[in-house]
mmCIF file of all heavy atoms, coordinates in Angstrom:
data_MODEL
# 
_entry.id   MODEL 
# 
loop_
_atom_site.group_PDB 
_atom_site.id 
_atom_site.type_symbol 
_atom_site.label_atom_id 
_atom_site.label_alt_id 
_atom_site.label_comp_id 
_atom_site.label_asym_id 
_atom_site.label_entity_id 
_atom_site.label_seq_id 
_atom_site.pdbx_PDB_ins_code 
_atom_site.Cartn_x 
_atom_site.Cartn_y 
_atom_site.Cartn_z 
_atom_site.occupancy 
_atom_site.B_iso_or_equiv 
_atom_site.pdbx_formal_charge 
_atom_site.auth_seq_id 
_atom_site.auth_comp_id 
_atom_site.auth_asym_id 
_atom_site.auth_atom_id 
_atom_site.pdbx_PDB_model_num 
ATOM 1   N N   . GLN A 1 1  ? -10.436 -1.996 4.136   1.00 0.00 ? 1  GLN A N   1 
ATOM 2   C CA  . GLN A 1 1  ? -9.494  -3.140 4.332   1.00 0.00 ? 1  GLN A CA  1 
ATOM 3   C C   . GLN A 1 1  ? -8.549  -2.829 5.486   1.00 0.00 ? 1  GLN A C   1 
ATOM 4   O O   . GLN A 1 1  ? -8.115  -3.766 6.199   1.00 0.00 ? 1  GLN A O   1 
ATOM 5   C CB  . GLN A 1 1  ? -8.763  -3.462 3.064   1.00 0.00 ? 1  GLN A CB  1 
ATOM 6   C CG  . GLN A 1 1  ? -9.706  -3.932 1.969   1.00 0.00 ? 1  GLN A CG  1 
ATOM 7   C CD  . GLN A 1 1  ? -8.993  -4.600 0.819   1.00 0.00 ? 1  GLN A CD  1 
ATOM 8   O OE1 . GLN A 1 1  ? -8.287  -5.608 1.041   1.00 0.00 ? 1  GLN A OE1 1 
ATOM 9   N NE2 . GLN A 1 1  ? -9.085  -4.057 -0.371  1.00 0.00 ? 1  GLN A NE2 1 
ATOM 10  N N   . ALA A 1 2  ? -8.157  -1.610 5.639   1.00 0.00 ? 2  ALA A N   1 
ATOM 11  C CA  . ALA A 1 2  ? -7.228  -1.250 6.760   1.00 0.00 ? 2  ALA A CA  1 
ATOM 12  C C   . ALA A 1 2  ? -7.872  -1.569 8.100   1.00 0.00 ? 2  ALA A C   1 
ATOM 13  O O   . ALA A 1 2  ? -7.235  -2.126 9.014   1.00 0.00 ? 2  ALA A O   1 
ATOM 14  C CB  . ALA A 1 2  ? -6.871  0.232  6.671   1.00 0.00 ? 2  ALA A CB  1 
ATOM 15  N N   . LYS A 1 3  ? -9.169  -1.305 8.242   1.00 0.00 ? 3  LYS A N   1 
ATOM 16  C CA  . LYS A 1 3  ? -9.896  -1.577 9.454   1.00 0.00 ? 3  LYS A CA  1 
ATOM 17  C C   . LYS A 1 3  ? -9.972  -3.115 9.664   1.00 0.00 ? 3  LYS A C   1 
ATOM 18  O O   . LYS A 1 3  ? -9.757  -3.599 10.767  1.00 0.00 ? 3  LYS A O   1 
ATOM 19  C CB  . LYS A 1 3  ? -11.271 -0.994 9.408   1.00 0.00 ? 3  LYS A CB  1 
ATOM 20  C CG  . LYS A 1 3  ? -11.273 0.544  9.489   1.00 0.00 ? 3  LYS A CG  1 
ATOM 21  C CD  . LYS A 1 3  ? -12.731 1.069  9.420   1.00 0.00 ? 3  LYS A CD  1 
ATOM 22  C CE  . LYS A 1 3  ? -12.736 2.635  9.470   1.00 0.00 ? 3  LYS A CE  1 
ATOM 23  N NZ  . LYS A 1 3  ? -14.077 3.208  9.319   1.00 0.00 ? 3  LYS A NZ  1 
ATOM 24  N N   . LYS A 1 4  ? -10.262 -3.811 8.633   1.00 0.00 ? 4  LYS A N   1 
ATOM 25  C CA  . LYS A 1 4  ? -10.419 -5.302 8.736   1.00 0.00 ? 4  LYS A CA  1 
ATOM 26  C C   . LYS A 1 4  ? -9.083  -5.934 9.115   1.00 0.00 ? 4  LYS A C   1 
ATOM 27  O O   . LYS A 1 4  ? -9.014  -6.924 9.832   1.00 0.00 ? 4  LYS A O   1 
ATOM 28  C CB  . LYS A 1 4  ? -10.936 -5.873 7.471   1.00 0.00 ? 4  LYS A CB  1 
ATOM 29  C CG  . LYS A 1 4  ? -12.472 -5.631 7.240   1.00 0.00 ? 4  LYS A CG  1 
ATOM 30  C CD  . LYS A 1 4  ? -12.919 -6.361 5.983   1.00 0.00 ? 4  LYS A CD  1 
ATOM 31  C CE  . LYS A 1 4  ? -14.421 -6.210 5.828   1.00 0.00 ? 4  LYS A CE  1 
ATOM 32  N NZ  . LYS A 1 4  ? -14.980 -6.918 4.613   1.00 0.00 ? 4  LYS A NZ  1 
ATOM 33  N N   . MET A 1 5  ? -7.989  -5.365 8.549   1.00 0.00 ? 5  MET A N   1 
ATOM 34  C CA  . MET A 1 5  ? -6.677  -5.939 8.812   1.00 0.00 ? 5  MET A CA  1 
ATOM 35  C C   . MET A 1 5  ? -6.011  -5.357 10.067  1.00 0.00 ? 5  MET A C   1 
ATOM 36  O O   . MET A 1 5  ? -4.921  -5.742 10.430  1.00 0.00 ? 5  MET A O   1 
ATOM 37  C CB  . MET A 1 5  ? -5.811  -5.654 7.571   1.00 0.00 ? 5  MET A CB  1 
ATOM 38  C CG  . MET A 1 5  ? -6.312  -6.318 6.300   1.00 0.00 ? 5  MET A CG  1 
ATOM 39  S SD  . MET A 1 5  ? -5.550  -5.620 4.801   1.00 0.00 ? 5  MET A SD  1 
ATOM 40  C CE  . MET A 1 5  ? -3.873  -6.235 4.935   1.00 0.00 ? 5  MET A CE  1 
ATOM 41  N N   . ALA A 1 6  ? -6.728  -4.368 10.713  1.00 0.00 ? 6  ALA A N   1 
ATOM 42  C CA  . ALA A 1 6  ? -6.191  -3.739 11.946  1.00 0.00 ? 6  ALA A CA  1 
ATOM 43  C C   . ALA A 1 6  ? -4.828  -3.106 11.651  1.00 0.00 ? 6  ALA A C   1 
ATOM 44  O O   . ALA A 1 6  ? -3.850  -3.205 12.436  1.00 0.00 ? 6  ALA A O   1 
ATOM 45  C CB  . ALA A 1 6  ? -6.096  -4.747 13.076  1.00 0.00 ? 6  ALA A CB  1 
ATOM 46  N N   . ILE A 1 7  ? -4.720  -2.406 10.515  1.00 0.00 ? 7  ILE A N   1 
ATOM 47  C CA  . ILE A 1 7  ? -3.495  -1.739 10.100  1.00 0.00 ? 7  ILE A CA  1 
ATOM 48  C C   . ILE A 1 7  ? -3.821  -0.236 9.988   1.00 0.00 ? 7  ILE A C   1 
ATOM 49  O O   . ILE A 1 7  ? -4.936  0.147  9.551   1.00 0.00 ? 7  ILE A O   1 
ATOM 50  C CB  . ILE A 1 7  ? -2.986  -2.230 8.748   1.00 0.00 ? 7  ILE A CB  1 
ATOM 51  C CG1 . ILE A 1 7  ? -2.641  -3.743 8.863   1.00 0.00 ? 7  ILE A CG1 1 
ATOM 52  C CG2 . ILE A 1 7  ? -1.815  -1.437 8.265   1.00 0.00 ? 7  ILE A CG2 1 
ATOM 53  C CD1 . ILE A 1 7  ? -2.209  -4.338 7.495   1.00 0.00 ? 7  ILE A CD1 1 
ATOM 54  N N   . ASP A 1 8  ? -2.861  0.578  10.423  1.00 0.00 ? 8  ASP A N   1 
ATOM 55  C CA  . ASP A 1 8  ? -3.065  2.032  10.302  1.00 0.00 ? 8  ASP A CA  1 
ATOM 56  C C   . ASP A 1 8  ? -3.302  2.399  8.860   1.00 0.00 ? 8  ASP A C   1 
ATOM 57  O O   . ASP A 1 8  ? -2.540  1.990  7.910   1.00 0.00 ? 8  ASP A O   1 
ATOM 58  C CB  . ASP A 1 8  ? -1.831  2.774  10.833  1.00 0.00 ? 8  ASP A CB  1 
ATOM 59  C CG  . ASP A 1 8  ? -1.991  4.276  10.684  1.00 0.00 ? 8  ASP A CG  1 
ATOM 60  O OD1 . ASP A 1 8  ? -2.726  4.868  11.477  1.00 0.00 ? 8  ASP A OD1 1 
ATOM 61  O OD2 . ASP A 1 8  ? -1.321  4.853  9.746   1.00 0.00 ? 8  ASP A OD2 1 
ATOM 62  N N   . GLU A 1 9  ? -4.339  3.147  8.563   1.00 0.00 ? 9  GLU A N   1 
ATOM 63  C CA  . GLU A 1 9  ? -4.731  3.474  7.218   1.00 0.00 ? 9  GLU A CA  1 
ATOM 64  C C   . GLU A 1 9  ? -3.632  4.217  6.450   1.00 0.00 ? 9  GLU A C   1 
ATOM 65  O O   . GLU A 1 9  ? -3.347  3.891  5.289   1.00 0.00 ? 9  GLU A O   1 
ATOM 66  C CB  . GLU A 1 9  ? -6.045  4.326  7.211   1.00 0.00 ? 9  GLU A CB  1 
ATOM 67  C CG  . GLU A 1 9  ? -6.556  4.616  5.866   1.00 0.00 ? 9  GLU A CG  1 
ATOM 68  C CD  . GLU A 1 9  ? -7.831  5.468  5.904   1.00 0.00 ? 9  GLU A CD  1 
ATOM 69  O OE1 . GLU A 1 9  ? -8.688  5.181  6.754   1.00 0.00 ? 9  GLU A OE1 1 
ATOM 70  O OE2 . GLU A 1 9  ? -7.934  6.395  5.091   1.00 0.00 ? 9  GLU A OE2 1 
ATOM 71  N N   . ILE A 1 10 ? -3.040  5.206  7.071   1.00 0.00 ? 10 ILE A N   1 
ATOM 72  C CA  . ILE A 1 10 ? -1.950  5.950  6.384   1.00 0.00 ? 10 ILE A CA  1 
ATOM 73  C C   . ILE A 1 10 ? -0.780  5.099  6.082   1.00 0.00 ? 10 ILE A C   1 
ATOM 74  O O   . ILE A 1 10 ? -0.206  5.151  4.979   1.00 0.00 ? 10 ILE A O   1 
ATOM 75  C CB  . ILE A 1 10 ? -1.588  7.208  7.226   1.00 0.00 ? 10 ILE A CB  1 
ATOM 76  C CG1 . ILE A 1 10 ? -2.757  8.162  7.373   1.00 0.00 ? 10 ILE A CG1 1 
ATOM 77  C CG2 . ILE A 1 10 ? -0.367  7.903  6.655   1.00 0.00 ? 10 ILE A CG2 1 
ATOM 78  C CD1 . ILE A 1 10 ? -2.496  9.322  8.291   1.00 0.00 ? 10 ILE A CD1 1 
ATOM 79  N N   . TYR A 1 11 ? -0.421  4.223  7.018   1.00 0.00 ? 11 TYR A N   1 
ATOM 80  C CA  . TYR A 1 11 ? 0.695   3.324  6.804   1.00 0.00 ? 11 TYR A CA  1 
ATOM 81  C C   . TYR A 1 11 ? 0.367   2.399  5.640   1.00 0.00 ? 11 TYR A C   1 
ATOM 82  O O   . TYR A 1 11 ? 1.224   2.218  4.762   1.00 0.00 ? 11 TYR A O   1 
ATOM 83  C CB  . TYR A 1 11 ? 0.955   2.481  8.048   1.00 0.00 ? 11 TYR A CB  1 
ATOM 84  C CG  . TYR A 1 11 ? 1.912   1.349  7.830   1.00 0.00 ? 11 TYR A CG  1 
ATOM 85  C CD1 . TYR A 1 11 ? 3.311   1.578  7.838   1.00 0.00 ? 11 TYR A CD1 1 
ATOM 86  C CD2 . TYR A 1 11 ? 1.472   0.037  7.560   1.00 0.00 ? 11 TYR A CD2 1 
ATOM 87  C CE1 . TYR A 1 11 ? 4.192   0.526  7.593   1.00 0.00 ? 11 TYR A CE1 1 
ATOM 88  C CE2 . TYR A 1 11 ? 2.354   -1.025 7.348   1.00 0.00 ? 11 TYR A CE2 1 
ATOM 89  C CZ  . TYR A 1 11 ? 3.690   -0.749 7.367   1.00 0.00 ? 11 TYR A CZ  1 
ATOM 90  O OH  . TYR A 1 11 ? 4.591   -1.801 7.142   1.00 0.00 ? 11 TYR A OH  1 
ATOM 91  N N   . LEU A 1 12 ? -0.818  1.857  5.588   1.00 0.00 ? 12 LEU A N   1 
ATOM 92  C CA  . LEU A 1 12 ? -1.199  0.943  4.519   1.00 0.00 ? 12 LEU A CA  1 
ATOM 93  C C   . LEU A 1 12 ? -1.194  1.664  3.158   1.00 0.00 ? 12 LEU A C   1 
ATOM 94  O O   . LEU A 1 12 ? -0.631  1.128  2.200   1.00 0.00 ? 12 LEU A O   1 
ATOM 95  C CB  . LEU A 1 12 ? -2.623  0.358  4.806   1.00 0.00 ? 12 LEU A CB  1 
ATOM 96  C CG  . LEU A 1 12 ? -3.130  -0.593 3.686   1.00 0.00 ? 12 LEU A CG  1 
ATOM 97  C CD1 . LEU A 1 12 ? -2.216  -1.789 3.549   1.00 0.00 ? 12 LEU A CD1 1 
ATOM 98  C CD2 . LEU A 1 12 ? -4.527  -1.049 4.004   1.00 0.00 ? 12 LEU A CD2 1 
ATOM 99  N N   . LYS A 1 13 ? -1.674  2.864  3.099   1.00 0.00 ? 13 LYS A N   1 
ATOM 100 C CA  . LYS A 1 13 ? -1.707  3.585  1.840   1.00 0.00 ? 13 LYS A CA  1 
ATOM 101 C C   . LYS A 1 13 ? -0.261  3.874  1.341   1.00 0.00 ? 13 LYS A C   1 
ATOM 102 O O   . LYS A 1 13 ? 0.000   3.761  0.138   1.00 0.00 ? 13 LYS A O   1 
ATOM 103 C CB  . LYS A 1 13 ? -2.466  4.886  1.994   1.00 0.00 ? 13 LYS A CB  1 
ATOM 104 C CG  . LYS A 1 13 ? -3.980  4.720  2.054   1.00 0.00 ? 13 LYS A CG  1 
ATOM 105 C CD  . LYS A 1 13 ? -4.687  6.065  2.166   1.00 0.00 ? 13 LYS A CD  1 
ATOM 106 C CE  . LYS A 1 13 ? -6.192  5.877  2.102   1.00 0.00 ? 13 LYS A CE  1 
ATOM 107 N NZ  . LYS A 1 13 ? -6.964  7.127  2.211   1.00 0.00 ? 13 LYS A NZ  1 
ATOM 108 N N   . ASN A 1 14 ? 0.632   4.231  2.262   1.00 0.00 ? 14 ASN A N   1 
ATOM 109 C CA  . ASN A 1 14 ? 1.983   4.495  1.908   1.00 0.00 ? 14 ASN A CA  1 
ATOM 110 C C   . ASN A 1 14 ? 2.712   3.233  1.349   1.00 0.00 ? 14 ASN A C   1 
ATOM 111 O O   . ASN A 1 14 ? 3.460   3.282  0.375   1.00 0.00 ? 14 ASN A O   1 
ATOM 112 C CB  . ASN A 1 14 ? 2.754   5.063  3.056   1.00 0.00 ? 14 ASN A CB  1 
ATOM 113 C CG  . ASN A 1 14 ? 2.350   6.494  3.340   1.00 0.00 ? 14 ASN A CG  1 
ATOM 114 O OD1 . ASN A 1 14 ? 1.903   7.214  2.479   1.00 0.00 ? 14 ASN A OD1 1 
ATOM 115 N ND2 . ASN A 1 14 ? 2.562   6.950  4.578   1.00 0.00 ? 14 ASN A ND2 1 
ATOM 116 N N   . ARG A 1 15 ? 2.485   2.073  2.045   1.00 0.00 ? 15 ARG A N   1 
ATOM 117 C CA  . ARG A 1 15 ? 3.103   0.822  1.602   1.00 0.00 ? 15 ARG A CA  1 
ATOM 118 C C   . ARG A 1 15 ? 2.563   0.410  0.179   1.00 0.00 ? 15 ARG A C   1 
ATOM 119 O O   . ARG A 1 15 ? 3.321   -0.013 -0.691  1.00 0.00 ? 15 ARG A O   1 
ATOM 120 C CB  . ARG A 1 15 ? 2.868   -0.312 2.584   1.00 0.00 ? 15 ARG A CB  1 
ATOM 121 C CG  . ARG A 1 15 ? 3.480   -0.177 3.929   1.00 0.00 ? 15 ARG A CG  1 
ATOM 122 C CD  . ARG A 1 15 ? 4.957   0.285  3.848   1.00 0.00 ? 15 ARG A CD  1 
ATOM 123 N NE  . ARG A 1 15 ? 5.780   -0.650 3.100   1.00 0.00 ? 15 ARG A NE  1 
ATOM 124 C CZ  . ARG A 1 15 ? 6.954   -0.377 2.600   1.00 0.00 ? 15 ARG A CZ  1 
ATOM 125 N NH1 . ARG A 1 15 ? 7.439   0.878  2.758   1.00 0.00 ? 15 ARG A NH1 1 
ATOM 126 N NH2 . ARG A 1 15 ? 7.644   -1.245 1.940   1.00 0.00 ? 15 ARG A NH2 1 
ATOM 127 N N   . LEU A 1 16 ? 1.262   0.548  0.009   1.00 0.00 ? 16 LEU A N   1 
ATOM 128 C CA  . LEU A 1 16 ? 0.678   0.207  -1.275  1.00 0.00 ? 16 LEU A CA  1 
ATOM 129 C C   . LEU A 1 16 ? 1.156   1.136  -2.370  1.00 0.00 ? 16 LEU A C   1 
ATOM 130 O O   . LEU A 1 16 ? 1.400   0.703  -3.502  1.00 0.00 ? 16 LEU A O   1 
ATOM 131 C CB  . LEU A 1 16 ? -0.853  0.264  -1.184  1.00 0.00 ? 16 LEU A CB  1 
ATOM 132 C CG  . LEU A 1 16 ? -1.491  -0.805 -0.222  1.00 0.00 ? 16 LEU A CG  1 
ATOM 133 C CD1 . LEU A 1 16 ? -2.990  -0.551 -0.123  1.00 0.00 ? 16 LEU A CD1 1 
ATOM 134 C CD2 . LEU A 1 16 ? -1.232  -2.203 -0.721  1.00 0.00 ? 16 LEU A CD2 1 
ATOM 135 N N   . LYS A 1 17 ? 1.327   2.429  -2.072  1.00 0.00 ? 17 LYS A N   1 
ATOM 136 C CA  . LYS A 1 17 ? 1.806   3.358  -3.055  1.00 0.00 ? 17 LYS A CA  1 
ATOM 137 C C   . LYS A 1 17 ? 3.212   2.963  -3.518  1.00 0.00 ? 17 LYS A C   1 
ATOM 138 O O   . LYS A 1 17 ? 3.526   2.983  -4.725  1.00 0.00 ? 17 LYS A O   1 
ATOM 139 C CB  . LYS A 1 17 ? 1.842   4.778  -2.473  1.00 0.00 ? 17 LYS A CB  1 
ATOM 140 C CG  . LYS A 1 17 ? 2.307   5.878  -3.410  1.00 0.00 ? 17 LYS A CG  1 
ATOM 141 C CD  . LYS A 1 17 ? 2.151   7.217  -2.739  1.00 0.00 ? 17 LYS A CD  1 
ATOM 142 C CE  . LYS A 1 17 ? 2.571   8.367  -3.666  1.00 0.00 ? 17 LYS A CE  1 
ATOM 143 N NZ  . LYS A 1 17 ? 4.023   8.402  -3.904  1.00 0.00 ? 17 LYS A NZ  1 
ATOM 144 N N   . TYR A 1 18 ? 4.047   2.591  -2.528  1.00 0.00 ? 18 TYR A N   1 
ATOM 145 C CA  . TYR A 1 18 ? 5.399   2.149  -2.855  1.00 0.00 ? 18 TYR A CA  1 
ATOM 146 C C   . TYR A 1 18 ? 5.339   0.893  -3.744  1.00 0.00 ? 18 TYR A C   1 
ATOM 147 O O   . TYR A 1 18 ? 6.058   0.770  -4.755  1.00 0.00 ? 18 TYR A O   1 
ATOM 148 C CB  . TYR A 1 18 ? 6.200   1.836  -1.595  1.00 0.00 ? 18 TYR A CB  1 
ATOM 149 C CG  . TYR A 1 18 ? 7.447   1.088  -1.845  1.00 0.00 ? 18 TYR A CG  1 
ATOM 150 C CD1 . TYR A 1 18 ? 8.581   1.718  -2.328  1.00 0.00 ? 18 TYR A CD1 1 
ATOM 151 C CD2 . TYR A 1 18 ? 7.510   -0.282 -1.586  1.00 0.00 ? 18 TYR A CD2 1 
ATOM 152 C CE1 . TYR A 1 18 ? 9.743   1.032  -2.577  1.00 0.00 ? 18 TYR A CE1 1 
ATOM 153 C CE2 . TYR A 1 18 ? 8.703   -1.026 -1.833  1.00 0.00 ? 18 TYR A CE2 1 
ATOM 154 C CZ  . TYR A 1 18 ? 9.783   -0.350 -2.348  1.00 0.00 ? 18 TYR A CZ  1 
ATOM 155 O OH  . TYR A 1 18 ? 10.965  -1.064 -2.591  1.00 0.00 ? 18 TYR A OH  1 
ATOM 156 N N   . CYS A 1 19 ? 4.474   -0.055 -3.427  1.00 0.00 ? 19 CYS A N   1 
ATOM 157 C CA  . CYS A 1 19 ? 4.370   -1.307 -4.185  1.00 0.00 ? 19 CYS A CA  1 
ATOM 158 C C   . CYS A 1 19 ? 3.895   -0.993 -5.616  1.00 0.00 ? 19 CYS A C   1 
ATOM 159 O O   . CYS A 1 19 ? 4.413   -1.573 -6.580  1.00 0.00 ? 19 CYS A O   1 
ATOM 160 C CB  . CYS A 1 19 ? 3.408   -2.255 -3.516  1.00 0.00 ? 19 CYS A CB  1 
ATOM 161 S SG  . CYS A 1 19 ? 3.984   -2.946 -1.953  1.00 0.00 ? 19 CYS A SG  1 
ATOM 162 N N   . ARG A 1 20 ? 2.921   -0.113 -5.744  1.00 0.00 ? 20 ARG A N   1 
ATOM 163 C CA  . ARG A 1 20 ? 2.450   0.234  -7.076  1.00 0.00 ? 20 ARG A CA  1 
ATOM 164 C C   . ARG A 1 20 ? 3.535   0.848  -7.925  1.00 0.00 ? 20 ARG A C   1 
ATOM 165 O O   . ARG A 1 20 ? 3.644   0.571  -9.152  1.00 0.00 ? 20 ARG A O   1 
ATOM 166 C CB  . ARG A 1 20 ? 1.235   1.127  -6.993  1.00 0.00 ? 20 ARG A CB  1 
ATOM 167 C CG  . ARG A 1 20 ? -0.032  0.510  -6.459  1.00 0.00 ? 20 ARG A CG  1 
ATOM 168 C CD  . ARG A 1 20 ? -1.259  1.376  -6.722  1.00 0.00 ? 20 ARG A CD  1 
ATOM 169 N NE  . ARG A 1 20 ? -1.157  2.691  -6.170  1.00 0.00 ? 20 ARG A NE  1 
ATOM 170 C CZ  . ARG A 1 20 ? -1.580  3.038  -4.928  1.00 0.00 ? 20 ARG A CZ  1 
ATOM 171 N NH1 . ARG A 1 20 ? -2.109  2.143  -4.102  1.00 0.00 ? 20 ARG A NH1 1 
ATOM 172 N NH2 . ARG A 1 20 ? -1.434  4.278  -4.494  1.00 0.00 ? 20 ARG A NH2 1 
ATOM 173 N N   . GLU A 1 21 ? 4.392   1.675  -7.329  1.00 0.00 ? 21 GLU A N   1 
ATOM 174 C CA  . GLU A 1 21 ? 5.455   2.281  -8.037  1.00 0.00 ? 21 GLU A CA  1 
ATOM 175 C C   . GLU A 1 21 ? 6.482   1.264  -8.559  1.00 0.00 ? 21 GLU A C   1 
ATOM 176 O O   . GLU A 1 21 ? 6.947   1.332  -9.666  1.00 0.00 ? 21 GLU A O   1 
ATOM 177 C CB  . GLU A 1 21 ? 6.167   3.325  -7.151  1.00 0.00 ? 21 GLU A CB  1 
ATOM 178 C CG  . GLU A 1 21 ? 5.296   4.607  -6.914  1.00 0.00 ? 21 GLU A CG  1 
ATOM 179 C CD  . GLU A 1 21 ? 5.873   5.523  -5.843  1.00 0.00 ? 21 GLU A CD  1 
ATOM 180 O OE1 . GLU A 1 21 ? 6.864   5.097  -5.218  1.00 0.00 ? 21 GLU A OE1 1 
ATOM 181 O OE2 . GLU A 1 21 ? 5.361   6.606  -5.670  1.00 0.00 ? 21 GLU A OE2 1 
ATOM 182 N N   . VAL A 1 22 ? 6.769   0.276  -7.705  1.00 0.00 ? 22 VAL A N   1 
ATOM 183 C CA  . VAL A 1 22 ? 7.662   -0.812 -8.074  1.00 0.00 ? 22 VAL A CA  1 
ATOM 184 C C   . VAL A 1 22 ? 7.090   -1.587 -9.277  1.00 0.00 ? 22 VAL A C   1 
ATOM 185 O O   . VAL A 1 22 ? 7.791   -1.886 -10.274 1.00 0.00 ? 22 VAL A O   1 
ATOM 186 C CB  . VAL A 1 22 ? 7.932   -1.777 -6.895  1.00 0.00 ? 22 VAL A CB  1 
ATOM 187 C CG1 . VAL A 1 22 ? 8.684   -3.009 -7.331  1.00 0.00 ? 22 VAL A CG1 1 
ATOM 188 C CG2 . VAL A 1 22 ? 8.709   -1.041 -5.797  1.00 0.00 ? 22 VAL A CG2 1 
ATOM 189 N N   . LEU A 1 23 ? 5.837   -1.988 -9.167  1.00 0.00 ? 23 LEU A N   1 
ATOM 190 C CA  . LEU A 1 23 ? 5.204   -2.748 -10.228 1.00 0.00 ? 23 LEU A CA  1 
ATOM 191 C C   . LEU A 1 23 ? 5.088   -1.940 -11.528 1.00 0.00 ? 23 LEU A C   1 
ATOM 192 O O   . LEU A 1 23 ? 5.281   -2.449 -12.623 1.00 0.00 ? 23 LEU A O   1 
ATOM 193 C CB  . LEU A 1 23 ? 3.799   -3.214 -9.814  1.00 0.00 ? 23 LEU A CB  1 
ATOM 194 C CG  . LEU A 1 23 ? 3.803   -4.215 -8.638  1.00 0.00 ? 23 LEU A CG  1 
ATOM 195 C CD1 . LEU A 1 23 ? 2.343   -4.622 -8.319  1.00 0.00 ? 23 LEU A CD1 1 
ATOM 196 C CD2 . LEU A 1 23 ? 4.640   -5.439 -8.918  1.00 0.00 ? 23 LEU A CD2 1 
ATOM 197 N N   . PHE A 1 24 ? 4.753   -0.652 -11.368 1.00 0.00 ? 24 PHE A N   1 
ATOM 198 C CA  . PHE A 1 24 ? 4.648   0.235  -12.590 1.00 0.00 ? 24 PHE A CA  1 
ATOM 199 C C   . PHE A 1 24 ? 5.969   0.322  -13.303 1.00 0.00 ? 24 PHE A C   1 
ATOM 200 O O   . PHE A 1 24 ? 6.056   0.217  -14.523 1.00 0.00 ? 24 PHE A O   1 
ATOM 201 C CB  . PHE A 1 24 ? 4.154   1.580  -12.192 1.00 0.00 ? 24 PHE A CB  1 
ATOM 202 C CG  . PHE A 1 24 ? 4.031   2.528  -13.342 1.00 0.00 ? 24 PHE A CG  1 
ATOM 203 C CD1 . PHE A 1 24 ? 3.053   2.383  -14.302 1.00 0.00 ? 24 PHE A CD1 1 
ATOM 204 C CD2 . PHE A 1 24 ? 4.937   3.595  -13.458 1.00 0.00 ? 24 PHE A CD2 1 
ATOM 205 C CE1 . PHE A 1 24 ? 2.981   3.216  -15.393 1.00 0.00 ? 24 PHE A CE1 1 
ATOM 206 C CE2 . PHE A 1 24 ? 4.869   4.490  -14.547 1.00 0.00 ? 24 PHE A CE2 1 
ATOM 207 C CZ  . PHE A 1 24 ? 3.874   4.309  -15.520 1.00 0.00 ? 24 PHE A CZ  1 
ATOM 208 N N   . LYS A 1 25 ? 7.028   0.497  -12.533 1.00 0.00 ? 25 LYS A N   1 
ATOM 209 C CA  . LYS A 1 25 ? 8.377   0.582  -13.145 1.00 0.00 ? 25 LYS A CA  1 
ATOM 210 C C   . LYS A 1 25 ? 8.702   -0.744 -13.910 1.00 0.00 ? 25 LYS A C   1 
ATOM 211 O O   . LYS A 1 25 ? 9.217   -0.707 -15.004 1.00 0.00 ? 25 LYS A O   1 
ATOM 212 C CB  . LYS A 1 25 ? 9.420   0.848  -12.084 1.00 0.00 ? 25 LYS A CB  1 
ATOM 213 C CG  . LYS A 1 25 ? 10.809  1.055  -12.608 1.00 0.00 ? 25 LYS A CG  1 
ATOM 214 C CD  . LYS A 1 25 ? 11.811  1.393  -11.508 1.00 0.00 ? 25 LYS A CD  1 
ATOM 215 C CE  . LYS A 1 25 ? 13.231  1.607  -12.046 1.00 0.00 ? 25 LYS A CE  1 
ATOM 216 N NZ  . LYS A 1 25 ? 14.187  1.938  -10.931 1.00 0.00 ? 25 LYS A NZ  1 
ATOM 217 N N   . HIS A 1 26 ? 8.382   -1.833 -13.295 1.00 0.00 ? 26 HIS A N   1 
ATOM 218 C CA  . HIS A 1 26 ? 8.662   -3.131 -13.959 1.00 0.00 ? 26 HIS A CA  1 
ATOM 219 C C   . HIS A 1 26 ? 7.758   -3.278 -15.238 1.00 0.00 ? 26 HIS A C   1 
ATOM 220 O O   . HIS A 1 26 ? 8.203   -3.756 -16.244 1.00 0.00 ? 26 HIS A O   1 
ATOM 221 C CB  . HIS A 1 26 ? 8.388   -4.316 -13.027 1.00 0.00 ? 26 HIS A CB  1 
ATOM 222 C CG  . HIS A 1 26 ? 8.573   -5.623 -13.658 1.00 0.00 ? 26 HIS A CG  1 
ATOM 223 N ND1 . HIS A 1 26 ? 9.792   -6.175 -13.938 1.00 0.00 ? 26 HIS A ND1 1 
ATOM 224 C CD2 . HIS A 1 26 ? 7.613   -6.521 -14.162 1.00 0.00 ? 26 HIS A CD2 1 
ATOM 225 C CE1 . HIS A 1 26 ? 9.653   -7.343 -14.524 1.00 0.00 ? 26 HIS A CE1 1 
ATOM 226 N NE2 . HIS A 1 26 ? 8.345   -7.583 -14.697 1.00 0.00 ? 26 HIS A NE2 1 
ATOM 227 N N   . ARG A 1 27 ? 6.487   -2.845 -15.119 1.00 0.00 ? 27 ARG A N   1 
ATOM 228 C CA  . ARG A 1 27 ? 5.562   -2.987 -16.238 1.00 0.00 ? 27 ARG A CA  1 
ATOM 229 C C   . ARG A 1 27 ? 6.042   -2.198 -17.452 1.00 0.00 ? 27 ARG A C   1 
ATOM 230 O O   . ARG A 1 27 ? 5.840   -2.553 -18.594 1.00 0.00 ? 27 ARG A O   1 
ATOM 231 C CB  . ARG A 1 27 ? 4.178   -2.521 -15.821 1.00 0.00 ? 27 ARG A CB  1 
ATOM 232 C CG  . ARG A 1 27 ? 3.069   -2.980 -16.807 1.00 0.00 ? 27 ARG A CG  1 
ATOM 233 C CD  . ARG A 1 27 ? 1.748   -2.541 -16.339 1.00 0.00 ? 27 ARG A CD  1 
ATOM 234 N NE  . ARG A 1 27 ? 1.439   -1.148 -16.593 1.00 0.00 ? 27 ARG A NE  1 
ATOM 235 C CZ  . ARG A 1 27 ? 0.262   -0.507 -16.335 1.00 0.00 ? 27 ARG A CZ  1 
ATOM 236 N NH1 . ARG A 1 27 ? -0.702  -1.225 -15.785 1.00 0.00 ? 27 ARG A NH1 1 
ATOM 237 N NH2 . ARG A 1 27 ? 0.109   0.765  -16.587 1.00 0.00 ? 27 ARG A NH2 1 
# 
């Protein structure tokens, strides 16, 4: 998906990791 979205893979993984942590805390 990072390639399809033309986004740096490491950047994407870091943003998603942050998002998952936010959602997990809320859950």
